[in-house]
Amino acid sequence: SVLDWADLQAVQGPDLTRALQRLPGVTLTRNGGLGSFTGLSVRGAASERVLVLIDGVRVNDVGGPAGGFDFGTVVGGGVERVELLRGPGSLVWGSDALGGVVHLSSRIANGLEASGEAGGAGQFAGNLALGGYLAGLNKAGISASYVTRSGFSSAATGVEDDGFEQLALSARGEGDIGPFTLFGSARYAA
């Protein structure tokens, strides 16, 4: 299954999981509001049995007790394409991929793009991207996404807000050098 840029834009909001849950055989579990731990299960397999790649790089938490990937750390603004491989074809990726493989591709904008939205509970999401084709098939881009939500207290007697704030930066480039294609990608989220 593939979700392209148009599909992701049709599902409004910064939460990428809203688009992922539309894929057949996908179940999401979240331990709270926006930004909290979110596990993805494919065809009933545990979330630690779903391999996640961002721009071809494995991002599952190998140091965690289960080794699964937290989709609560990924906002939709910097993602251009989502590919989901399920079934026996995912076995070539190893035991991490018994349930399937999810590949997220970073967005390379064509020129300068900016977007923002605001809503209730102090929520704001903004994206800024710059990129394009440099020469021939060579392309590069950088993007920044910021999401914040003030939240509310999850404890009945609590007064602290369980809000969320994330800044995500990414850069990606591709270029042909003779018969080879050189590819580079970087991602930071805090």
C-alpha atoms as a PDB file:
ATOM      1  CA  SER A   1       0.000   0.000   0.000  1.00  0.00           C
ATOM      2  CA  VAL A   2       1.217   3.489  -0.825  1.00  0.00           C
ATOM      3  CA  LEU A   3       0.122   6.881   0.507  1.00  0.00           C
ATOM      4  CA  ASP A   4       1.515   9.663  -1.675  1.00  0.00           C
ATOM      5  CA  TRP A   5       1.684  13.410  -0.996  1.00  0.00           C
ATOM      6  CA  ALA A   6      -1.907  14.005  -2.146  1.00  0.00           C
ATOM      7  CA  ASP A   7      -3.213  11.244   0.159  1.00  0.00           C
ATOM      8  CA  LEU A   8      -1.316  12.667   3.138  1.00  0.00           C
ATOM      9  CA  GLN A   9      -2.588  16.189   2.455  1.00  0.00           C
ATOM     10  CA  ALA A  10      -6.182  14.930   2.310  1.00  0.00           C
ATOM     11  CA  VAL A  11      -5.876  13.802   5.942  1.00  0.00           C
ATOM     12  CA  GLN A  12      -5.507  17.166   7.610  1.00  0.00           C
ATOM     13  CA  GLY A  13      -3.574  17.716  10.809  1.00  0.00           C
ATOM     14  CA  PRO A  14      -0.015  17.139  12.000  1.00  0.00           C
ATOM     15  CA  ASP A  15      -0.645  13.593  13.201  1.00  0.00           C
ATOM     16  CA  LEU A  16       0.726  11.098  10.639  1.00  0.00           C
ATOM     17  CA  THR A  17      -1.016   8.201  12.380  1.00  0.00           C
ATOM     18  CA  ARG A  18      -4.378   9.502  11.126  1.00  0.00           C
ATOM     19  CA  ALA A  19      -3.227   8.616   7.614  1.00  0.00           C
ATOM     20  CA  LEU A  20      -1.595   5.314   8.626  1.00  0.00           C
ATOM     21  CA  GLN A  21      -4.745   3.942  10.255  1.00  0.00           C
ATOM     22  CA  ARG A  22      -6.503   4.147   6.879  1.00  0.00           C
ATOM     23  CA  LEU A  23      -4.253   1.418   5.482  1.00  0.00           C
ATOM     24  CA  PRO A  24      -5.742  -2.113   5.409  1.00  0.00           C
ATOM     25  CA  GLY A  25      -4.590  -4.371   8.245  1.00  0.00           C
ATOM     26  CA  VAL A  26      -3.070  -1.541  10.320  1.00  0.00           C
ATOM     27  CA  THR A  27      -3.922  -1.003  13.995  1.00  0.00           C
ATOM     28  CA  LEU A  28      -2.506   1.781  16.150  1.00  0.00           C
ATOM     29  CA  THR A  29      -2.235   1.943  19.931  1.00  0.00           C
ATOM     30  CA  ARG A  30      -1.514   5.237  21.657  1.00  0.00           C
ATOM     31  CA  ASN A  31      -0.742   5.823  25.330  1.00  0.00           C
ATOM     32  CA  GLY A  32      -2.322   9.294  25.492  1.00  0.00           C
ATOM     33  CA  GLY A  33      -2.667  12.387  23.327  1.00  0.00           C
ATOM     34  CA  LEU A  34      -0.625  13.788  20.467  1.00  0.00           C
ATOM     35  CA  GLY A  35       3.073  12.976  20.929  1.00  0.00           C
ATOM     36  CA  SER A  36       2.641  10.078  23.341  1.00  0.00           C
ATOM     37  CA  PHE A  37       3.994   6.624  22.518  1.00  0.00           C
ATOM     38  CA  THR A  38       2.209   5.226  19.466  1.00  0.00           C
ATOM     39  CA  GLY A  39       2.788   1.674  18.272  1.00  0.00           C
ATOM     40  CA  LEU A  40       1.764   0.341  14.873  1.00  0.00           C
ATOM     41  CA  SER A  41       0.615  -3.236  14.378  1.00  0.00           C
ATOM     42  CA  VAL A  42       0.231  -4.835  10.944  1.00  0.00           C
ATOM     43  CA  ARG A  43      -2.068  -7.810  10.452  1.00  0.00           C
ATOM     44  CA  GLY A  44      -2.063  -8.578  14.169  1.00  0.00           C
ATOM     45  CA  ALA A  45       1.720  -8.701  14.565  1.00  0.00           C
ATOM     46  CA  ALA A  46       3.168  -6.854  17.556  1.00  0.00           C
ATOM     47  CA  SER A  47       4.556  -3.363  16.905  1.00  0.00           C
ATOM     48  CA  GLU A  48       8.111  -4.575  17.563  1.00  0.00           C
ATOM     49  CA  ARG A  49       7.707  -6.912  14.571  1.00  0.00           C
ATOM     50  CA  VAL A  50       7.101  -4.021  12.155  1.00  0.00           C
ATOM     51  CA  LEU A  51      10.292  -2.601  10.666  1.00  0.00           C
ATOM     52  CA  VAL A  52      10.269   1.159  10.089  1.00  0.00           C
ATOM     53  CA  LEU A  53      12.558   2.901   7.621  1.00  0.00           C
ATOM     54  CA  ILE A  54      12.921   6.642   7.099  1.00  0.00           C
ATOM     55  CA  ASP A  55      14.616   7.376   3.783  1.00  0.00           C
ATOM     56  CA  GLY A  56      15.905   3.805   3.754  1.00  0.00           C
ATOM     57  CA  VAL A  57      17.456   3.939   7.242  1.00  0.00           C
ATOM     58  CA  ARG A  58      16.244   1.573   9.975  1.00  0.00           C
ATOM     59  CA  VAL A  59      14.875   3.620  12.863  1.00  0.00           C
ATOM     60  CA  ASN A  60      13.477   0.973  15.218  1.00  0.00           C
ATOM     61  CA  ASP A  61      14.694   1.401  18.790  1.00  0.00           C
ATOM     62  CA  VAL A  62      17.191  -1.451  19.149  1.00  0.00           C
ATOM     63  CA  GLY A  63      18.000  -0.367  22.709  1.00  0.00           C
ATOM     64  CA  GLY A  64      14.375  -0.487  23.867  1.00  0.00           C
ATOM     65  CA  PRO A  65      12.926  -3.510  25.623  1.00  0.00           C
ATOM     66  CA  ALA A  66      10.656  -4.371  22.701  1.00  0.00           C
ATOM     67  CA  GLY A  67      12.554  -2.684  19.859  1.00  0.00           C
ATOM     68  CA  GLY A  68       9.474  -1.094  18.267  1.00  0.00           C
ATOM     69  CA  PHE A  69       9.260   2.368  16.702  1.00  0.00           C
ATOM     70  CA  ASP A  70       7.359   5.238  18.321  1.00  0.00           C
ATOM     71  CA  PHE A  71       5.157   6.850  15.648  1.00  0.00           C
ATOM     72  CA  GLY A  72       4.264   9.567  18.174  1.00  0.00           C
ATOM     73  CA  THR A  73       7.583  11.227  17.284  1.00  0.00           C
ATOM     74  CA  VAL A  74       6.744  11.646  13.578  1.00  0.00           C
ATOM     75  CA  VAL A  75       4.643  14.565  12.389  1.00  0.00           C
ATOM     76  CA  GLY A  76       3.167  14.503   8.909  1.00  0.00           C
ATOM     77  CA  GLY A  77       4.510  17.787   7.511  1.00  0.00           C
ATOM     78  CA  GLY A  78       7.929  16.451   6.510  1.00  0.00           C
ATOM     79  CA  VAL A  79       6.739  13.135   5.047  1.00  0.00           C
ATOM     80  CA  GLU A  80       6.091  12.895   1.304  1.00  0.00           C
ATOM     81  CA  ARG A  81       5.321   9.210   0.869  1.00  0.00           C
ATOM     82  CA  VAL A  82       4.428   6.196   3.018  1.00  0.00           C
ATOM     83  CA  GLU A  83       4.879   2.657   1.733  1.00  0.00           C
ATOM     84  CA  LEU A  84       3.618  -0.392   3.620  1.00  0.00           C
ATOM     85  CA  LEU A  85       4.775  -3.894   2.735  1.00  0.00           C
ATOM     86  CA  ARG A  86       2.899  -6.713   4.459  1.00  0.00           C
ATOM     87  CA  GLY A  87       2.836 -10.422   3.992  1.00  0.00           C
ATOM     88  CA  PRO A  88       5.672 -12.821   3.161  1.00  0.00           C
ATOM     89  CA  GLY A  89       7.545 -10.253   1.043  1.00  0.00           C
ATOM     90  CA  SER A  90       8.651  -8.497   4.234  1.00  0.00           C
ATOM     91  CA  LEU A  91      10.617 -11.545   5.448  1.00  0.00           C
ATOM     92  CA  VAL A  92      13.683 -10.588   3.388  1.00  0.00           C
ATOM     93  CA  TRP A  93      14.123  -7.715   5.860  1.00  0.00           C
ATOM     94  CA  GLY A  94      14.688 -10.118   8.776  1.00  0.00           C
ATOM     95  CA  SER A  95      12.938 -10.919  12.033  1.00  0.00           C
ATOM     96  CA  ASP A  96      12.266  -7.223  12.719  1.00  0.00           C
ATOM     97  CA  ALA A  97       9.844  -7.281   9.785  1.00  0.00           C
ATOM     98  CA  LEU A  98       7.677 -10.343  10.472  1.00  0.00           C
ATOM     99  CA  GLY A  99       4.586  -8.107  10.559  1.00  0.00           C
ATOM    100  CA  GLY A 100       5.622  -5.817   7.725  1.00  0.00           C
ATOM    101  CA  VAL A 101       7.793  -2.909   6.652  1.00  0.00           C
ATOM    102  CA  VAL A 102       6.805   0.768   6.760  1.00  0.00           C
ATOM    103  CA  HIS A 103       8.964   3.126   4.678  1.00  0.00           C
ATOM    104  CA  LEU A 104       8.606   6.893   5.159  1.00  0.00           C
ATOM    105  CA  SER A 105      10.159   9.200   2.554  1.00  0.00           C
ATOM    106  CA  SER A 106      11.117  12.754   3.525  1.00  0.00           C
ATOM    107  CA  ARG A 107       9.604  15.544   1.495  1.00  0.00           C
ATOM    108  CA  ILE A 108      11.667  17.474  -1.031  1.00  0.00           C
ATOM    109  CA  ALA A 109       9.720  20.617  -1.866  1.00  0.00           C
ATOM    110  CA  ASN A 110       9.769  22.228  -5.283  1.00  0.00           C
ATOM    111  CA  GLY A 111      10.721  25.784  -4.315  1.00  0.00           C
ATOM    112  CA  LEU A 112       9.620  27.392  -1.060  1.00  0.00           C
ATOM    113  CA  GLU A 113       6.563  25.989   0.708  1.00  0.00           C
ATOM    114  CA  ALA A 114       5.019  27.041   4.011  1.00  0.00           C
ATOM    115  CA  SER A 115       1.875  25.982   5.833  1.00  0.00           C
ATOM    116  CA  GLY A 116       0.346  26.387   9.265  1.00  0.00           C
ATOM    117  CA  GLU A 117      -2.792  25.573  11.173  1.00  0.00           C
ATOM    118  CA  ALA A 118      -4.129  26.347  14.617  1.00  0.00           C
ATOM    119  CA  GLY A 119      -6.908  24.804  16.643  1.00  0.00           C
ATOM    120  CA  GLY A 120      -8.355  24.177  20.062  1.00  0.00           C
ATOM    121  CA  ALA A 121      -6.355  23.160  23.135  1.00  0.00           C
ATOM    122  CA  GLY A 122      -3.590  25.582  22.098  1.00  0.00           C
ATOM    123  CA  GLN A 123      -2.624  23.463  19.091  1.00  0.00           C
ATOM    124  CA  PHE A 124      -0.420  24.878  16.337  1.00  0.00           C
ATOM    125  CA  ALA A 125       1.353  23.061  13.509  1.00  0.00           C
ATOM    126  CA  GLY A 126       3.652  24.741  11.024  1.00  0.00           C
ATOM    127  CA  ASN A 127       5.873  23.519   8.198  1.00  0.00           C
ATOM    128  CA  LEU A 128       8.542  25.266   6.160  1.00  0.00           C
ATOM    129  CA  ALA A 129      10.357  23.565   3.274  1.00  0.00           C
ATOM    130  CA  LEU A 130      12.839  24.656   0.633  1.00  0.00           C
ATOM    131  CA  GLY A 131      14.130  22.483  -2.161  1.00  0.00           C
ATOM    132  CA  GLY A 132      14.094  21.553  -5.776  1.00  0.00           C
ATOM    133  CA  TYR A 133      16.000  20.169  -8.703  1.00  0.00           C
ATOM    134  CA  LEU A 134      19.576  21.422  -8.915  1.00  0.00           C
ATOM    135  CA  ALA A 135      20.614  20.043 -12.309  1.00  0.00           C
ATOM    136  CA  GLY A 136      19.190  17.152 -14.285  1.00  0.00           C
ATOM    137  CA  LEU A 137      17.972  14.537 -11.827  1.00  0.00           C
ATOM    138  CA  ASN A 138      19.865  15.985  -8.865  1.00  0.00           C
ATOM    139  CA  LYS A 139      17.588  17.300  -6.136  1.00  0.00           C
ATOM    140  CA  ALA A 140      17.909  18.483  -2.560  1.00  0.00           C
ATOM    141  CA  GLY A 141      15.703  19.894   0.125  1.00  0.00           C
ATOM    142  CA  ILE A 142      15.480  20.957   3.746  1.00  0.00           C
ATOM    143  CA  SER A 143      12.405  21.229   5.920  1.00  0.00           C
ATOM    144  CA  ALA A 144      11.353  22.217   9.412  1.00  0.00           C
ATOM    145  CA  SER A 145       8.153  21.277  11.238  1.00  0.00           C
ATOM    146  CA  TYR A 146       6.926  22.577  14.568  1.00  0.00           C
ATOM    147  CA  VAL A 147       3.936  21.206  16.489  1.00  0.00           C
ATOM    148  CA  THR A 148       2.667  22.241  19.895  1.00  0.00           C
ATOM    149  CA  ARG A 149      -0.414  21.497  21.960  1.00  0.00           C
ATOM    150  CA  SER A 150      -1.065  22.774  25.477  1.00  0.00           C
ATOM    151  CA  GLY A 151      -2.908  19.648  26.556  1.00  0.00           C
ATOM    152  CA  PHE A 152      -4.779  19.007  29.780  1.00  0.00           C
ATOM    153  CA  SER A 153      -4.150  17.117  33.002  1.00  0.00           C
ATOM    154  CA  SER A 154      -4.691  13.386  32.597  1.00  0.00           C
ATOM    155  CA  ALA A 155      -4.949  12.883  36.375  1.00  0.00           C
ATOM    156  CA  ALA A 156      -8.339  13.547  37.991  1.00  0.00           C
ATOM    157  CA  THR A 157      -6.720  15.674  40.709  1.00  0.00           C
ATOM    158  CA  GLY A 158      -3.747  16.906  38.682  1.00  0.00           C
ATOM    159  CA  VAL A 159      -3.085  20.464  37.645  1.00  0.00           C
ATOM    160  CA  GLU A 160      -0.175  19.912  35.246  1.00  0.00           C
ATOM    161  CA  ASP A 161      -0.836  20.027  31.523  1.00  0.00           C
ATOM    162  CA  ASP A 162       0.204  16.957  29.575  1.00  0.00           C
ATOM    163  CA  GLY A 163       1.037  18.942  26.468  1.00  0.00           C
ATOM    164  CA  PHE A 164       3.268  18.239  23.517  1.00  0.00           C
ATOM    165  CA  GLU A 165       5.898  20.236  21.661  1.00  0.00           C
ATOM    166  CA  GLN A 166       8.158  19.039  18.858  1.00  0.00           C
ATOM    167  CA  LEU A 167      10.604  20.577  16.438  1.00  0.00           C
ATOM    168  CA  ALA A 168      11.642  18.347  13.549  1.00  0.00           C
ATOM    169  CA  LEU A 169      14.350  19.185  11.006  1.00  0.00           C
ATOM    170  CA  SER A 170      15.238  17.137   7.957  1.00  0.00           C
ATOM    171  CA  ALA A 171      17.494  17.355   4.931  1.00  0.00           C
ATOM    172  CA  ARG A 172      17.649  15.077   1.939  1.00  0.00           C
ATOM    173  CA  GLY A 173      19.525  15.029  -1.342  1.00  0.00           C
ATOM    174  CA  GLU A 174      19.972  12.767  -4.349  1.00  0.00           C
ATOM    175  CA  GLY A 175      22.300  12.983  -7.286  1.00  0.00           C
ATOM    176  CA  ASP A 176      23.570  10.915 -10.177  1.00  0.00           C
ATOM    177  CA  ILE A 177      27.321  10.544 -10.511  1.00  0.00           C
ATOM    178  CA  GLY A 178      28.011   8.526 -13.617  1.00  0.00           C
ATOM    179  CA  PRO A 179      26.279   5.150 -13.305  1.00  0.00           C
ATOM    180  CA  PHE A 180      25.791   5.624  -9.533  1.00  0.00           C
ATOM    181  CA  THR A 181      23.218   7.500  -7.491  1.00  0.00           C
ATOM    182  CA  LEU A 182      24.459   9.269  -4.369  1.00  0.00           C
ATOM    183  CA  PHE A 183      21.880   9.697  -1.614  1.00  0.00           C
ATOM    184  CA  GLY A 184      22.058  11.510   1.713  1.00  0.00           C
ATOM    185  CA  SER A 185      19.524  12.098   4.461  1.00  0.00           C
ATOM    186  CA  ALA A 186      19.488  13.600   7.972  1.00  0.00           C
ATOM    187  CA  ARG A 187      16.676  13.888  10.520  1.00  0.00           C
ATOM    188  CA  TYR A 188      16.459  15.537  13.920  1.00  0.00           C
ATOM    189  CA  ALA A 189      13.447  15.654  16.235  1.00  0.00           C
ATOM    190  CA  ALA A 190      13.259  17.050  19.752  1.00  0.00           C
END
